């Protein structure tokens, strides 16, 4: 079978840009590709056909051994501030096959990650490990289930080759979809290294593809800055709602479409502490849980800086206009953040009484090292958590004050329950469980991985048989460390 997907055509719209934005490169063939994970739900959404007869042929395409009809593979150029330091980057181990349309005629990127060296590999081997790609598959699909904008994973292919990291591991290729892989760092690249004409065309391409409504605005560039800022605020607040720590919020890992992208050293917080950081390379805690709002503001300033030539021909005026926009960030973030926290304890309207109650709870959680996810579940009348920590007098006093305020505001029990259950997940990918299923996968046992992925598909669905207290790690995870996986 020469083409198992005759109705699946890949477009190459990104290549309408100047070829300074990319370099054409084909995936490096792999020795013995084996399909180990396939996302049937995502395949259905994007109209990607799959059946058992096509399995072997599709494995060849998703490993990069064969190229889809219409595809002209490229590696995208971009730069970025990594831990505050600017550097030239680009797709070092990822190759964009092109764009596809889903059932709603929406355009999505399809990319192979771990598909071999590119002109931007900077001495790397361009490969990825099974463990790292399974991790991205698991976490990205969990984030999708949690209702948080994210790139998604279509398949993981074991390559039959060895990858050398701290230890030798099995190689893998991940097929990733995204609204696009345009990053803040892509704009920084265009600003720093390309012509103003290239930058102008790139801004217009981004607007046409992702923000077409802005074409009606008098100042499209400023409108793009504001739109991305608002989208990033909502994204980071959503991260914080579920205790997610991205771990490497460099500008090259910040999507212009406001999707979560690049699941390297990410993790989920257990005991509440704003200083929580898991990334092994984040020695100073730059990207700790509580620092994420400040970092996204900083990244947006880098984005604004790359747009200055198009904001106004007069640099001083451009800086002034950009700064005025960025200065609205703290107020917009605070409003969105407090609204989220209010809903986590059942209030849809925020005032000083609700804020004080939230602040008292967060202080109590930090002082007592209370679990972030489970603490909010204790507020549900029909979902009790048998843990000694929630019998402490200090918590019972707080809970009594909470009940009094709920009653004072006239919130009906059914309304309170609905707000809590829509906002607070009962299941998250606990770090120790992630490590367990990945360790099993290394041994060739993928059943635990698949079972875990399945349990994370409905994170808000209450289950009387499910005990959140048993989900907690048996040992302190303060020394738990995550890695980039590169």
Protein backbone atom coordinates (compact mmCIF):
# COMPACT_ATOMS: atom_id res chain seq x y z
CA UNK A 1 0.00 0.00 0.00
CA UNK A 2 1.72 3.19 -1.17
CA UNK A 3 -0.60 5.67 0.53
CA UNK A 4 -2.75 4.44 3.44
CA UNK A 5 -4.41 7.83 3.92
CA UNK A 6 -5.62 9.03 0.51
CA UNK A 7 -8.04 11.53 2.05
CA UNK A 8 -5.54 12.87 4.56
CA UNK A 9 -3.68 15.69 2.84
CA UNK A 10 -1.06 17.86 4.53
CA UNK A 11 -0.78 21.52 3.52
CA UNK A 12 2.31 23.70 3.63
CA UNK A 13 0.90 27.14 4.45
CA UNK A 14 3.79 28.17 6.71
CA UNK A 15 6.06 28.06 3.69
CA UNK A 16 4.23 31.07 2.22
CA UNK A 17 6.56 33.04 4.50
CA UNK A 18 10.11 33.94 3.60
CA UNK A 19 12.38 30.91 3.68
CA UNK A 20 14.33 32.69 6.44
CA UNK A 21 11.66 31.32 8.81
CA UNK A 22 12.47 27.67 8.17
CA UNK A 23 14.71 25.19 6.44
CA UNK A 24 13.50 22.21 4.49
CA UNK A 25 14.63 18.95 5.99
CA UNK A 26 13.30 15.41 5.90
CA UNK A 27 12.97 13.16 8.93
CA UNK A 28 15.82 10.70 9.38
CA UNK A 29 14.50 7.18 8.75
CA UNK A 30 14.47 4.84 11.74
CA UNK A 31 15.50 1.21 11.77
CA UNK A 32 12.51 -0.66 13.18
CA UNK A 33 9.46 1.54 13.88
CA UNK A 34 6.77 0.15 16.15
CA UNK A 35 3.51 1.91 17.01
CA UNK A 36 3.10 1.68 20.79
CA UNK A 37 0.52 4.40 21.56
CA UNK A 38 -2.17 5.83 19.27
CA UNK A 39 -4.71 8.50 20.24
CA UNK A 40 -7.94 7.33 18.61
CA UNK A 41 -9.97 10.21 20.09
CA UNK A 42 -7.68 12.84 18.60
CA UNK A 43 -7.49 10.96 15.30
CA UNK A 44 -11.26 11.07 15.06
CA UNK A 45 -11.34 14.81 15.80
CA UNK A 46 -8.84 15.69 13.09
CA UNK A 47 -10.16 13.20 10.56
CA UNK A 48 -7.08 11.01 10.69
CA UNK A 49 -8.05 7.54 9.44
CA UNK A 50 -6.87 4.45 11.24
CA UNK A 51 -7.68 0.78 11.04
CA UNK A 52 -5.77 -2.43 11.62
CA UNK A 53 -5.10 -2.90 7.92
CA UNK A 54 -3.36 0.49 7.83
CA UNK A 55 -1.37 0.04 11.02
CA UNK A 56 1.94 -0.96 9.45
CA UNK A 57 1.77 1.69 6.75
CA UNK A 58 0.80 4.43 9.21
CA UNK A 59 3.68 3.42 11.44
CA UNK A 60 6.00 4.20 8.55
CA UNK A 61 4.45 7.65 8.11
CA UNK A 62 4.34 8.55 11.80
CA UNK A 63 7.95 7.50 12.28
CA UNK A 64 9.08 9.73 9.42
CA UNK A 65 10.12 6.85 7.19
CA UNK A 66 7.48 7.93 4.68
CA UNK A 67 6.03 11.37 3.92
CA UNK A 68 2.31 12.20 3.66
CA UNK A 69 0.79 13.50 0.45
CA UNK A 70 1.30 17.27 0.18
CA UNK A 71 3.84 17.41 2.98
CA UNK A 72 7.05 19.39 2.51
CA UNK A 73 8.80 18.87 5.87
CA UNK A 74 10.60 21.78 7.52
CA UNK A 75 12.37 22.75 10.71
CA UNK A 76 11.18 26.10 12.02
CA UNK A 77 13.59 28.86 13.01
CA UNK A 78 13.09 30.77 16.26
CA UNK A 79 15.08 32.33 19.05
CA UNK A 80 14.28 32.81 22.71
CA UNK A 81 15.16 33.98 26.17
CA UNK A 82 16.17 30.89 28.11
CA UNK A 83 16.31 31.63 31.84
CA UNK A 84 16.57 35.29 30.84
CA UNK A 85 19.39 34.89 28.31
CA UNK A 86 18.73 35.49 24.62
CA UNK A 87 19.94 32.87 22.15
CA UNK A 88 19.31 31.61 18.62
CA UNK A 89 17.40 28.33 18.60
CA UNK A 90 15.10 26.52 16.17
CA UNK A 91 13.64 23.03 15.88
CA UNK A 92 16.57 20.88 16.89
CA UNK A 93 14.72 17.57 17.04
CA UNK A 94 11.30 18.36 15.61
CA UNK A 95 10.12 18.51 12.01
CA UNK A 96 6.89 20.16 10.92
CA UNK A 97 5.11 18.03 8.35
CA UNK A 98 2.66 20.84 7.61
CA UNK A 99 -0.93 21.75 8.44
CA UNK A 100 -4.09 19.69 8.45
CA UNK A 101 -7.78 20.58 8.73
CA UNK A 102 -10.06 19.07 11.33
CA UNK A 103 -13.77 18.38 10.90
CA UNK A 104 -14.57 22.06 11.56
CA UNK A 105 -12.12 23.20 8.86
CA UNK A 106 -9.77 24.52 11.55
CA UNK A 107 -6.09 24.40 10.69
CA UNK A 108 -3.66 22.47 12.89
CA UNK A 109 0.06 21.76 12.71
CA UNK A 110 1.24 18.17 12.58
CA UNK A 111 4.80 17.69 13.76
CA UNK A 112 7.19 14.82 14.40
CA UNK A 113 9.27 15.19 17.55
CA UNK A 114 12.45 13.14 17.87
CA UNK A 115 12.65 12.68 14.11
CA UNK A 116 16.37 13.35 13.63
CA UNK A 117 18.89 16.13 13.17
CA UNK A 118 17.98 19.46 11.62
CA UNK A 119 20.05 22.54 10.74
CA UNK A 120 19.14 23.84 14.22
CA UNK A 121 20.24 20.79 16.23
CA UNK A 122 23.27 22.61 17.68
CA UNK A 123 25.27 19.41 18.14
CA UNK A 124 22.32 17.37 19.40
CA UNK A 125 21.30 14.02 17.97
CA UNK A 126 17.77 15.14 17.08
CA UNK A 127 16.31 12.09 18.76
CA UNK A 128 14.00 11.52 21.73
CA UNK A 129 13.46 8.76 24.25
CA UNK A 130 10.39 6.59 24.70
CA UNK A 131 10.11 7.78 28.30
CA UNK A 132 10.18 11.50 27.43
CA UNK A 133 7.68 11.14 24.60
CA UNK A 134 5.31 9.03 26.68
CA UNK A 135 5.54 11.68 29.39
CA UNK A 136 4.51 14.40 26.94
CA UNK A 137 1.70 12.21 25.62
CA UNK A 138 0.38 11.55 29.12
CA UNK A 139 0.61 15.10 30.49
CA UNK A 140 -0.69 16.83 27.37
CA UNK A 141 -3.71 14.54 27.18
CA UNK A 142 -4.34 15.06 30.88
CA UNK A 143 -4.21 18.84 30.39
CA UNK A 144 -6.69 18.52 27.53
CA UNK A 145 -9.04 16.54 29.77
CA UNK A 146 -8.67 19.22 32.46
CA UNK A 147 -9.96 21.75 29.93
CA UNK A 148 -6.66 23.61 29.59
CA UNK A 149 -5.47 24.72 26.11
CA UNK A 150 -2.63 22.48 25.01
CA UNK A 151 -0.79 20.83 22.17
CA UNK A 152 -1.86 17.23 21.81
CA UNK A 153 -0.22 13.90 21.03
CA UNK A 154 -1.44 11.64 18.25
CA UNK A 155 1.02 8.76 18.50
CA UNK A 156 4.26 7.48 19.96
CA UNK A 157 6.45 5.32 17.76
CA UNK A 158 9.28 3.25 19.18
CA UNK A 159 12.17 3.52 16.71
CA UNK A 160 14.08 0.32 17.42
CA UNK A 161 17.19 2.43 18.00
CA UNK A 162 19.14 3.47 21.07
CA UNK A 163 19.32 7.03 22.36
CA UNK A 164 22.18 8.07 24.60
CA UNK A 165 21.40 10.36 27.55
CA UNK A 166 22.49 9.92 31.18
CA UNK A 167 21.81 6.29 30.38
CA UNK A 168 21.03 4.43 27.16
CA UNK A 169 17.32 4.40 26.39
CA UNK A 170 14.97 3.28 23.64
CA UNK A 171 14.33 5.93 21.01
CA UNK A 172 10.91 7.26 20.04
CA UNK A 173 9.11 9.70 17.76
CA UNK A 174 6.06 11.62 18.98
CA UNK A 175 3.43 12.95 16.57
CA UNK A 176 2.22 16.27 17.97
CA UNK A 177 -0.63 18.53 16.89
CA UNK A 178 -1.05 22.20 17.75
CA UNK A 179 -2.94 25.24 16.52
CA UNK A 180 0.55 26.15 15.39
CA UNK A 181 4.11 26.09 16.67
CA UNK A 182 4.57 29.85 16.45
CA UNK A 183 6.20 31.05 19.65
CA UNK A 184 7.09 34.36 21.25
CA UNK A 185 10.61 33.30 20.35
CA UNK A 186 9.64 33.16 16.68
CA UNK A 187 8.79 36.86 16.82
CA UNK A 188 12.03 37.56 18.67
CA UNK A 189 13.89 35.77 15.88
CA UNK A 190 12.18 37.84 13.18
CA UNK A 191 12.84 41.08 15.09
CA UNK A 192 16.50 40.34 15.82
CA UNK A 193 17.64 38.67 12.59
CA UNK A 194 15.24 39.43 9.74
CA UNK A 195 14.01 42.50 7.89
CA UNK A 196 11.10 44.69 8.92
CA UNK A 197 9.28 43.43 5.85
CA UNK A 198 9.68 39.84 7.10
CA UNK A 199 8.40 40.87 10.53
CA UNK A 200 5.43 42.67 8.98
CA UNK A 201 4.53 39.66 6.86
CA UNK A 202 4.90 37.36 9.85
CA UNK A 203 2.58 39.44 12.01
CA UNK A 204 0.01 39.44 9.20
CA UNK A 205 0.37 35.67 8.74
CA UNK A 206 -0.20 35.12 12.46
CA UNK A 207 -3.25 37.36 12.51
CA UNK A 208 -4.76 35.78 9.41
CA UNK A 209 -4.29 32.29 10.79
CA UNK A 210 -5.02 32.73 14.48
CA UNK A 211 -6.66 36.10 15.09
CA UNK A 212 -8.53 36.97 11.87
CA UNK A 213 -10.98 39.16 13.79
CA UNK A 214 -8.11 41.60 14.38
CA UNK A 215 -8.00 42.45 10.69
CA UNK A 216 -10.90 44.81 11.39
CA UNK A 217 -8.97 46.67 14.11
CA UNK A 218 -7.42 50.09 13.45
CA UNK A 219 -4.12 48.97 15.01
CA UNK A 220 -3.70 45.26 14.34
CA UNK A 221 -0.26 44.99 15.97
CA UNK A 222 -1.36 46.44 19.30
CA UNK A 223 -4.52 44.35 19.15
CA UNK A 224 -2.39 41.23 18.66
CA UNK A 225 -0.31 42.12 21.71
CA UNK A 226 -3.43 42.60 23.82
CA UNK A 227 -5.05 39.40 22.56
CA UNK A 228 -1.99 37.28 23.30
CA UNK A 229 -1.63 38.90 26.73
CA UNK A 230 -5.23 38.10 27.67
CA UNK A 231 -4.91 34.54 26.36
CA UNK A 232 -1.71 33.94 28.31
CA UNK A 233 -3.27 35.30 31.49
CA UNK A 234 -6.13 32.82 31.23
CA UNK A 235 -3.71 29.99 30.42
CA UNK A 236 -1.43 30.56 33.42
CA UNK A 237 -4.40 31.04 35.77
CA UNK A 238 -5.71 27.69 34.52
CA UNK A 239 -2.30 26.13 35.24
CA UNK A 240 -2.42 27.46 38.76
CA UNK A 241 -6.00 26.28 39.22
CA UNK A 242 -4.87 22.65 38.97
CA UNK A 243 -1.42 23.08 40.56
CA UNK A 244 0.53 22.70 37.30
CA UNK A 245 4.12 23.92 37.10
CA UNK A 246 5.44 24.23 33.55
CA UNK A 247 9.06 24.27 34.70
CA UNK A 248 10.68 25.89 31.69
CA UNK A 249 8.76 29.03 30.73
CA UNK A 250 11.35 30.33 28.30
CA UNK A 251 10.01 32.60 25.55
CA UNK A 252 10.57 29.82 23.02
CA UNK A 253 8.18 27.67 25.06
CA UNK A 254 5.39 30.26 25.02
CA UNK A 255 2.90 29.66 22.24
CA UNK A 256 1.40 32.64 20.43
CA UNK A 257 -1.87 30.70 20.34
CA UNK A 258 -1.86 30.47 24.14
CA UNK A 259 -1.67 26.70 24.28
CA UNK A 260 0.52 24.83 26.74
CA UNK A 261 3.54 23.69 24.75
CA UNK A 262 6.70 21.65 25.44
CA UNK A 263 6.18 19.27 28.35
CA UNK A 264 9.71 18.87 29.61
CA UNK A 265 10.34 19.28 33.34
CA UNK A 266 6.68 19.96 34.15
CA UNK A 267 4.97 18.51 37.23
CA UNK A 268 1.96 18.95 39.51
CA UNK A 269 2.18 20.39 43.01
CA UNK A 270 1.21 18.17 45.93
CA UNK A 271 1.62 20.13 49.17
CA UNK A 272 0.78 23.77 48.61
CA UNK A 273 3.78 26.08 48.50
CA UNK A 274 4.19 28.94 45.98
CA UNK A 275 7.95 28.26 45.95
CA UNK A 276 7.48 24.71 44.65
CA UNK A 277 9.87 23.92 41.81
CA UNK A 278 10.73 20.51 40.37
CA UNK A 279 12.91 21.23 37.33
CA UNK A 280 16.47 20.01 37.78
CA UNK A 281 17.79 22.91 35.67
CA UNK A 282 15.85 25.64 37.50
CA UNK A 283 18.41 26.11 40.26
CA UNK A 284 17.10 29.52 41.37
CA UNK A 285 13.39 28.71 41.19
CA UNK A 286 12.81 31.20 38.37
CA UNK A 287 9.86 29.15 37.12
CA UNK A 288 8.44 28.06 40.48
CA UNK A 289 4.66 27.72 40.85
CA UNK A 290 4.16 31.17 42.36
CA UNK A 291 6.55 32.87 39.92
CA UNK A 292 4.61 31.88 36.81
CA UNK A 293 2.49 35.08 36.64
CA UNK A 294 5.57 37.31 36.81
CA UNK A 295 7.37 35.24 34.19
CA UNK A 296 4.51 35.35 31.70
CA UNK A 297 4.44 39.15 32.17
CA UNK A 298 8.21 39.24 31.48
CA UNK A 299 7.77 37.04 28.40
CA UNK A 300 5.03 39.32 27.11
CA UNK A 301 7.43 42.24 27.45
CA UNK A 302 9.82 40.34 25.16
CA UNK A 303 6.95 39.83 22.74
CA UNK A 304 6.06 43.52 22.85
CA UNK A 305 9.69 44.45 22.24
CA UNK A 306 9.76 42.35 19.06
CA UNK A 307 6.70 44.25 17.77
CA UNK A 308 8.02 47.77 18.41
CA UNK A 309 8.94 48.56 14.77
CA UNK A 310 5.35 47.86 13.75
CA UNK A 311 3.66 49.56 16.69
CA UNK A 312 5.00 52.97 15.71
CA UNK A 313 7.81 54.29 13.54
CA UNK A 314 8.89 56.51 16.42
CA UNK A 315 10.63 54.22 18.90
CA UNK A 316 9.77 56.32 21.97
CA UNK A 317 6.11 56.34 20.98
CA UNK A 318 6.17 52.61 20.30
CA UNK A 319 7.70 51.89 23.71
CA UNK A 320 5.10 54.11 25.39
CA UNK A 321 2.20 52.37 23.69
CA UNK A 322 3.58 48.89 24.40
CA UNK A 323 4.24 49.79 28.03
CA UNK A 324 0.72 51.12 28.48
CA UNK A 325 -0.60 47.77 27.28
CA UNK A 326 1.75 45.77 29.50
CA UNK A 327 0.85 47.93 32.49
CA UNK A 328 -2.68 46.57 32.35
CA UNK A 329 -1.35 43.04 32.94
CA UNK A 330 -1.28 43.12 36.79
CA UNK A 331 -4.89 44.28 37.07
CA UNK A 332 -6.17 41.83 34.47
CA UNK A 333 -4.23 38.97 36.00
CA UNK A 334 -5.39 39.72 39.55
CA UNK A 335 -9.02 39.86 38.45
CA UNK A 336 -8.74 36.54 36.60
CA UNK A 337 -6.71 34.89 39.36
CA UNK A 338 -9.04 35.88 42.21
CA UNK A 339 -12.06 34.85 40.18
CA UNK A 340 -10.50 31.39 39.75
CA UNK A 341 -9.65 31.06 43.45
CA UNK A 342 -13.12 32.22 44.41
CA UNK A 343 -14.68 29.47 42.32
CA UNK A 344 -12.35 26.91 43.92
CA UNK A 345 -14.16 27.57 47.20
CA UNK A 346 -17.57 28.05 45.60
CA UNK A 347 -17.92 31.82 45.12
CA UNK A 348 -18.60 33.29 41.68
CA UNK A 349 -18.53 36.89 42.96
CA UNK A 350 -15.41 38.18 44.68
CA UNK A 351 -15.26 40.76 47.45
CA UNK A 352 -12.93 41.46 50.37
CA UNK A 353 -14.60 38.81 52.55
CA UNK A 354 -14.02 36.11 49.93
CA UNK A 355 -10.44 37.26 49.35
CA UNK A 356 -9.67 37.17 53.07
CA UNK A 357 -11.12 33.67 53.31
CA UNK A 358 -8.99 32.50 50.40
CA UNK A 359 -5.83 34.05 51.81
CA UNK A 360 -6.45 32.41 55.18
CA UNK A 361 -6.90 29.01 53.50
CA UNK A 362 -3.73 29.36 51.43
CA UNK A 363 -1.74 30.36 54.53
CA UNK A 364 -3.13 27.35 56.39
CA UNK A 365 -2.33 25.03 53.49
CA UNK A 366 1.27 26.25 53.31
CA UNK A 367 1.82 26.08 57.08
CA UNK A 368 0.40 22.57 57.31
CA UNK A 369 1.76 21.28 53.98
CA UNK A 370 -1.76 20.41 52.92
CA UNK A 371 -2.34 18.82 49.55
CA UNK A 372 -3.44 21.46 47.03
CA UNK A 373 -5.89 19.26 45.10
CA UNK A 374 -7.47 17.41 48.00
CA UNK A 375 -7.98 20.40 50.29
CA UNK A 376 -10.57 21.91 47.96
CA UNK A 377 -12.35 18.56 47.64
CA UNK A 378 -13.05 18.58 51.39
CA UNK A 379 -15.54 21.40 50.80
CA UNK A 380 -17.93 19.10 48.95
CA UNK A 381 -20.71 17.76 51.15
CA UNK A 382 -20.91 14.42 49.36
CA UNK A 383 -17.18 13.85 49.07
CA UNK A 384 -15.39 13.36 52.38
CA UNK A 385 -11.65 12.85 52.66
CA UNK A 386 -10.52 10.84 55.64
CA UNK A 387 -7.28 12.55 56.56
CA UNK A 388 -6.20 13.74 60.00
CA UNK A 389 -5.03 17.10 58.68
CA UNK A 390 -8.62 18.15 57.96
CA UNK A 391 -9.60 17.41 61.56
CA UNK A 392 -7.19 20.03 62.89
CA UNK A 393 -8.97 22.73 64.89
CA UNK A 394 -7.39 25.43 62.73
CA UNK A 395 -8.95 23.98 59.59
CA UNK A 396 -12.32 23.32 61.22
CA UNK A 397 -12.45 26.96 62.33
CA UNK A 398 -11.69 28.12 58.80
CA UNK A 399 -14.30 25.78 57.37
CA UNK A 400 -16.91 27.09 59.81
CA UNK A 401 -16.14 30.65 58.66
CA UNK A 402 -16.46 29.48 55.06
CA UNK A 403 -19.84 27.89 55.73
CA UNK A 404 -21.01 31.08 57.42
CA UNK A 405 -20.02 33.21 54.42
CA UNK A 406 -21.67 30.77 51.99
CA UNK A 407 -24.88 31.06 54.00
CA UNK A 408 -24.60 34.84 54.31
CA UNK A 409 -24.34 35.19 50.54
CA UNK A 410 -27.34 32.95 50.00
CA UNK A 411 -25.55 30.43 47.81
CA UNK A 412 -27.78 27.41 47.28
CA UNK A 413 -26.24 23.98 48.00
CA UNK A 414 -26.74 22.79 44.42
CA UNK A 415 -25.12 25.97 43.04
CA UNK A 416 -22.20 25.61 45.43
CA UNK A 417 -21.74 21.95 44.48
CA UNK A 418 -21.83 22.71 40.77
CA UNK A 419 -19.21 25.48 41.08
CA UNK A 420 -16.86 23.31 43.13
CA UNK A 421 -17.14 20.28 40.87
CA UNK A 422 -16.57 22.28 37.68
CA UNK A 423 -13.49 24.01 39.07
CA UNK A 424 -11.69 21.41 41.18
CA UNK A 425 -10.44 18.21 39.56
CA UNK A 426 -10.56 15.03 41.58
CA UNK A 427 -7.80 13.45 39.50
CA UNK A 428 -4.49 14.88 38.32
CA UNK A 429 -1.42 13.04 37.01
CA UNK A 430 0.32 12.69 40.36
CA UNK A 431 4.09 12.81 39.92
CA UNK A 432 4.83 9.50 41.61
CA UNK A 433 2.23 7.74 39.49
CA UNK A 434 3.65 9.28 36.33
CA UNK A 435 7.09 8.00 37.28
CA UNK A 436 5.70 4.54 38.05
CA UNK A 437 3.95 4.06 34.69
CA UNK A 438 6.97 5.41 32.81
CA UNK A 439 9.24 3.00 34.68
CA UNK A 440 6.93 0.13 33.73
CA UNK A 441 6.95 1.29 30.11
CA UNK A 442 10.75 1.19 30.13
CA UNK A 443 10.43 -2.49 30.95
CA UNK A 444 8.11 -2.96 27.99
CA UNK A 445 4.91 -3.03 30.06
CA UNK A 446 2.58 -0.39 28.57
CA UNK A 447 -0.60 -1.64 30.24
CA UNK A 448 -0.06 0.49 33.36
CA UNK A 449 0.52 3.55 31.18
CA UNK A 450 -2.62 3.00 29.14
CA UNK A 451 -4.68 2.34 32.25
CA UNK A 452 -3.42 5.55 33.88
CA UNK A 453 -4.17 7.62 30.78
CA UNK A 454 -7.70 6.21 30.81
CA UNK A 455 -8.29 7.19 34.44
CA UNK A 456 -7.27 10.78 33.66
CA UNK A 457 -9.83 11.26 30.87
CA UNK A 458 -12.59 12.44 33.23
CA UNK A 459 -10.81 14.42 35.96
CA UNK A 460 -13.96 16.15 37.24
CA UNK A 461 -16.17 13.08 37.37
CA UNK A 462 -16.93 12.20 40.99
CA UNK A 463 -16.76 8.54 42.00
CA UNK A 464 -17.79 7.26 45.42
CA UNK A 465 -15.27 4.43 45.09
CA UNK A 466 -12.39 6.82 44.42
CA UNK A 467 -10.43 7.93 47.50
CA UNK A 468 -8.31 11.05 46.77
CA UNK A 469 -6.37 10.49 49.98
CA UNK A 470 -4.96 7.24 48.59
CA UNK A 471 -3.64 9.16 45.58
CA UNK A 472 -1.04 10.98 47.67
CA UNK A 473 2.60 9.91 47.53
CA UNK A 474 3.70 7.79 50.48
CA UNK A 475 6.90 9.77 50.90
CA UNK A 476 7.77 13.47 50.93
CA UNK A 477 8.34 14.67 47.36
CA UNK A 478 10.19 17.89 48.18
CA UNK A 479 13.31 16.40 46.57
CA UNK A 480 11.45 15.17 43.47
CA UNK A 481 13.18 16.37 40.29
CA UNK A 482 12.08 16.47 36.68
CA UNK A 483 14.20 16.76 33.55
CA UNK A 484 13.87 18.31 30.11
CA UNK A 485 14.07 14.96 28.37
CA UNK A 486 16.28 16.29 25.59
